[in-house]
Amino acid sequence: MKDDIEIIVGLTGGVCGVFILLTIPAVLVLKGRKLHNNRDSKNPYLSHFEHPFWMWALIILGIVFVPYNLYMQINKIIDHYHK
């Protein structure tokens, strides 16, 4: 029973966690910066990671980590049920 719960938590946490931590914030920042492109004003709180490269890097990491996590979880399921 404990292993079944671990599998469910691993699947949902691995997929949803990547989207919540990496992909969704990066997309929101890209869209927000596109909508409010206000480079004329002086803002002391500007991020040092202002270049879009950093947001795209997070999105690509999310795209890479979701299939990898699914692969690892599916292998865990297969190993669990073929004992």
Protein backbone atom coordinates (compact mmCIF):
# COMPACT_ATOMS: atom_id res chain seq x y z
CA MET A 1 0.00 0.00 0.00
CA LYS A 2 2.82 2.40 0.86
CA ASP A 3 4.44 1.81 -2.52
CA ASP A 4 1.20 2.60 -4.35
CA ILE A 5 0.93 5.96 -2.59
CA GLU A 6 4.59 6.68 -3.36
CA ILE A 7 3.95 6.02 -7.05
CA ILE A 8 0.93 8.35 -7.13
CA VAL A 9 2.78 11.12 -5.32
CA GLY A 10 5.80 10.68 -7.59
CA LEU A 11 3.72 10.94 -10.74
CA THR A 12 1.62 13.91 -9.71
CA GLY A 13 4.43 15.74 -7.96
CA GLY A 14 6.89 15.15 -10.75
CA VAL A 15 4.65 16.40 -13.52
CA CYS A 16 2.69 19.11 -11.74
CA GLY A 17 5.67 20.23 -9.68
CA VAL A 18 7.76 20.93 -12.76
CA PHE A 19 4.98 23.00 -14.28
CA ILE A 20 4.31 24.89 -11.06
CA LEU A 21 7.98 25.59 -10.31
CA LEU A 22 9.49 26.12 -13.76
CA THR A 23 7.15 26.41 -16.71
CA ILE A 24 4.18 28.48 -15.51
CA PRO A 25 6.24 31.26 -13.83
CA ALA A 26 8.54 31.52 -16.87
CA VAL A 27 5.59 31.85 -19.25
CA LEU A 28 3.94 34.43 -17.00
CA VAL A 29 7.14 36.50 -16.86
CA LEU A 30 7.57 36.35 -20.64
CA LYS A 31 3.98 37.43 -21.27
CA GLY A 32 4.11 40.12 -18.58
CA ARG A 33 7.31 41.59 -19.95
CA LYS A 34 5.86 41.54 -23.45
CA LEU A 35 2.71 43.37 -22.34
CA HIS A 36 4.50 45.94 -20.18
CA ASN A 37 7.62 46.70 -22.16
CA ASN A 38 8.49 49.86 -20.22
CA ARG A 39 12.25 50.28 -20.50
CA ASP A 40 12.23 54.06 -20.21
CA SER A 41 11.51 54.22 -16.50
CA LYS A 42 14.13 53.76 -13.79
CA ASN A 43 13.27 50.72 -11.71
CA PRO A 44 15.62 49.80 -8.87
CA TYR A 45 14.00 46.35 -8.65
CA LEU A 46 14.86 45.13 -12.14
CA SER A 47 16.03 41.55 -12.28
CA HIS A 48 19.57 40.71 -13.26
CA PHE A 49 18.04 37.86 -15.27
CA GLU A 50 16.13 40.20 -17.53
CA HIS A 51 17.15 38.58 -20.80
CA PRO A 52 14.52 36.21 -22.31
CA PHE A 53 17.17 33.49 -22.50
CA TRP A 54 16.63 32.70 -18.82
CA MET A 55 12.88 32.27 -19.19
CA TRP A 56 13.31 30.07 -22.26
CA ALA A 57 15.92 28.03 -20.40
CA LEU A 58 13.38 27.32 -17.65
CA ILE A 59 10.72 26.37 -20.18
CA ILE A 60 13.13 24.00 -21.94
CA LEU A 61 14.16 22.49 -18.59
CA GLY A 62 10.48 21.87 -17.87
CA ILE A 63 10.02 20.24 -21.26
CA VAL A 64 13.03 17.99 -20.59
CA PHE A 65 12.27 17.11 -16.96
CA VAL A 66 8.62 16.07 -17.43
CA PRO A 67 9.33 13.19 -19.86
CA TYR A 68 12.39 12.17 -17.85
CA ASN A 69 10.37 12.03 -14.64
CA LEU A 70 7.58 10.10 -16.38
CA TYR A 71 10.16 7.64 -17.69
CA MET A 72 11.61 7.13 -14.22
CA GLN A 73 8.18 6.74 -12.62
CA ILE A 74 7.02 4.26 -15.26
CA ASN A 75 10.17 2.21 -14.71
CA LYS A 76 9.44 2.26 -10.98
CA ILE A 77 5.88 1.02 -11.63
CA ILE A 78 7.12 -1.74 -13.92
CA ASP A 79 9.74 -2.84 -11.41
CA HIS A 80 7.19 -2.74 -8.60
CA TYR A 81 4.62 -4.94 -10.32
CA HIS A 82 7.09 -7.40 -11.87
CA LYS A 83 8.69 -8.51 -8.61
